[in-house]
């Protein structure tokens, strides 16, 4: 697979290709069992890629969406001001 998020169709096609090459599983190609197994595996792989892409996006401040990620980046870059201190004398 490439470095971009695969489509559901590309995952399905790759899995079916692998099943067709296997001597045992090739006789089940086209069956409802293999069709549903393909759908299940496709969903798992696709969601894993989505989760990984979202986690990667949170690592960059320009694409972060969670408040905690944005605040952490602000602290790292010293954008957060110091806490106010009370005035204790004449200046």
C-alpha atoms as a PDB file:
ATOM      1  CA  UNK A   1       0.000   0.000   0.000  1.00  0.00           C
ATOM      2  CA  UNK A   2       1.034   3.579  -0.499  1.00  0.00           C
ATOM      3  CA  UNK A   3       1.670   6.159   2.201  1.00  0.00           C
ATOM      4  CA  UNK A   4      -1.749   7.736   1.711  1.00  0.00           C
ATOM      5  CA  UNK A   5      -4.887   6.431   3.351  1.00  0.00           C
ATOM      6  CA  UNK A   6      -6.160   3.540   1.228  1.00  0.00           C
ATOM      7  CA  UNK A   7      -9.722   3.428   0.020  1.00  0.00           C
ATOM      8  CA  UNK A   8     -12.071   0.675   1.066  1.00  0.00           C
ATOM      9  CA  UNK A   9     -12.113  -0.627  -2.502  1.00  0.00           C
ATOM     10  CA  UNK A  10      -8.320  -0.867  -2.678  1.00  0.00           C
ATOM     11  CA  UNK A  11      -8.188  -2.770   0.626  1.00  0.00           C
ATOM     12  CA  UNK A  12     -10.917  -5.135  -0.552  1.00  0.00           C
ATOM     13  CA  UNK A  13      -9.166  -5.732  -3.875  1.00  0.00           C
ATOM     14  CA  UNK A  14      -5.835  -6.445  -2.192  1.00  0.00           C
ATOM     15  CA  UNK A  15      -7.401  -8.896   0.272  1.00  0.00           C
ATOM     16  CA  UNK A  16      -9.326 -10.726  -2.453  1.00  0.00           C
ATOM     17  CA  UNK A  17      -6.130 -10.982  -4.484  1.00  0.00           C
ATOM     18  CA  UNK A  18      -4.355 -12.570  -1.517  1.00  0.00           C
ATOM     19  CA  UNK A  19      -7.227 -15.028  -0.986  1.00  0.00           C
ATOM     20  CA  UNK A  20      -7.182 -16.065  -4.652  1.00  0.00           C
ATOM     21  CA  UNK A  21      -3.461 -16.888  -4.472  1.00  0.00           C
ATOM     22  CA  UNK A  22      -3.836 -19.204  -1.465  1.00  0.00           C
ATOM     23  CA  UNK A  23      -4.440 -22.855  -2.380  1.00  0.00           C
ATOM     24  CA  UNK A  24      -6.870 -23.481   0.495  1.00  0.00           C
ATOM     25  CA  UNK A  25      -8.826 -20.218   0.450  1.00  0.00           C
ATOM     26  CA  UNK A  26      -9.063 -19.933  -3.340  1.00  0.00           C
ATOM     27  CA  UNK A  27     -11.968 -22.410  -3.433  1.00  0.00           C
ATOM     28  CA  UNK A  28     -13.989 -20.039  -1.227  1.00  0.00           C
ATOM     29  CA  UNK A  29     -13.542 -16.978  -3.451  1.00  0.00           C
ATOM     30  CA  UNK A  30     -16.927 -15.450  -4.200  1.00  0.00           C
ATOM     31  CA  UNK A  31     -18.630 -17.099  -1.217  1.00  0.00           C
ATOM     32  CA  UNK A  32     -20.624 -15.097   1.291  1.00  0.00           C
ATOM     33  CA  UNK A  33     -18.134 -16.033   4.028  1.00  0.00           C
ATOM     34  CA  UNK A  34     -15.154 -14.571   2.173  1.00  0.00           C
ATOM     35  CA  UNK A  35     -17.223 -11.567   1.137  1.00  0.00           C
ATOM     36  CA  UNK A  36     -18.163 -10.775   4.747  1.00  0.00           C
ATOM     37  CA  UNK A  37     -14.639 -11.545   5.985  1.00  0.00           C
ATOM     38  CA  UNK A  38     -13.303  -9.135   3.383  1.00  0.00           C
ATOM     39  CA  UNK A  39     -15.766  -6.472   4.495  1.00  0.00           C
ATOM     40  CA  UNK A  40     -14.807  -6.984   8.158  1.00  0.00           C
ATOM     41  CA  UNK A  41     -11.065  -6.772   7.490  1.00  0.00           C
ATOM     42  CA  UNK A  42     -11.579  -3.783   5.210  1.00  0.00           C
ATOM     43  CA  UNK A  43     -13.409  -1.912   7.966  1.00  0.00           C
ATOM     44  CA  UNK A  44     -10.717  -2.716  10.549  1.00  0.00           C
ATOM     45  CA  UNK A  45      -7.843  -1.640   8.301  1.00  0.00           C
ATOM     46  CA  UNK A  46      -9.632   1.504   7.139  1.00  0.00           C
ATOM     47  CA  UNK A  47     -10.426   2.603  10.698  1.00  0.00           C
ATOM     48  CA  UNK A  48      -6.849   1.952  11.804  1.00  0.00           C
ATOM     49  CA  UNK A  49      -5.616   4.210   9.007  1.00  0.00           C
ATOM     50  CA  UNK A  50      -8.141   6.891   9.980  1.00  0.00           C
ATOM     51  CA  UNK A  51      -7.030   6.747  13.614  1.00  0.00           C
ATOM     52  CA  UNK A  52      -3.361   6.925  12.628  1.00  0.00           C
ATOM     53  CA  UNK A  53      -3.978   9.885  10.310  1.00  0.00           C
ATOM     54  CA  UNK A  54      -5.862  11.749  13.040  1.00  0.00           C
ATOM     55  CA  UNK A  55      -3.107  11.081  15.566  1.00  0.00           C
ATOM     56  CA  UNK A  56      -0.494  12.289  13.095  1.00  0.00           C
ATOM     57  CA  UNK A  57      -2.470  15.460  12.391  1.00  0.00           C
ATOM     58  CA  UNK A  58      -2.618  16.244  16.116  1.00  0.00           C
ATOM     59  CA  UNK A  59       1.175  16.261  16.166  1.00  0.00           C
ATOM     60  CA  UNK A  60       1.295  19.403  14.037  1.00  0.00           C
ATOM     61  CA  UNK A  61      -0.038  22.631  15.506  1.00  0.00           C
ATOM     62  CA  UNK A  62      -1.341  23.815  12.139  1.00  0.00           C
ATOM     63  CA  UNK A  63      -3.719  20.847  11.916  1.00  0.00           C
ATOM     64  CA  UNK A  64      -4.405  20.184  15.606  1.00  0.00           C
ATOM     65  CA  UNK A  65      -8.050  20.215  16.635  1.00  0.00           C
ATOM     66  CA  UNK A  66      -7.941  19.176  20.276  1.00  0.00           C
ATOM     67  CA  UNK A  67      -7.610  21.964  22.812  1.00  0.00           C
ATOM     68  CA  UNK A  68      -4.979  20.061  24.781  1.00  0.00           C
ATOM     69  CA  UNK A  69      -2.761  19.715  21.699  1.00  0.00           C
ATOM     70  CA  UNK A  70      -3.026  23.406  20.916  1.00  0.00           C
ATOM     71  CA  UNK A  71      -2.239  24.430  24.503  1.00  0.00           C
ATOM     72  CA  UNK A  72       0.720  22.052  24.656  1.00  0.00           C
ATOM     73  CA  UNK A  73       2.149  23.566  21.476  1.00  0.00           C
ATOM     74  CA  UNK A  74       1.581  27.073  22.828  1.00  0.00           C
ATOM     75  CA  UNK A  75       3.468  26.217  26.016  1.00  0.00           C
ATOM     76  CA  UNK A  76       6.301  24.666  24.036  1.00  0.00           C
ATOM     77  CA  UNK A  77       6.667  27.803  21.912  1.00  0.00           C
ATOM     78  CA  UNK A  78       6.419  30.127  24.958  1.00  0.00           C
ATOM     79  CA  UNK A  79       3.181  31.683  23.718  1.00  0.00           C
ATOM     80  CA  UNK A  80       1.581  31.319  27.123  1.00  0.00           C
ATOM     81  CA  UNK A  81       2.307  34.261  29.363  1.00  0.00           C
ATOM     82  CA  UNK A  82       3.566  33.914  32.902  1.00  0.00           C
ATOM     83  CA  UNK A  83       1.095  33.843  35.742  1.00  0.00           C
ATOM     84  CA  UNK A  84       0.301  37.278  37.155  1.00  0.00           C
ATOM     85  CA  UNK A  85       1.973  38.099  40.459  1.00  0.00           C
ATOM     86  CA  UNK A  86       0.452  40.418  43.046  1.00  0.00           C
ATOM     87  CA  UNK A  87       1.831  43.902  43.447  1.00  0.00           C
ATOM     88  CA  UNK A  88       3.689  44.202  46.759  1.00  0.00           C
ATOM     89  CA  UNK A  89       5.200  47.651  46.932  1.00  0.00           C
ATOM     90  CA  UNK A  90       5.645  51.114  45.535  1.00  0.00           C
ATOM     91  CA  UNK A  91       7.325  51.551  42.192  1.00  0.00           C
END
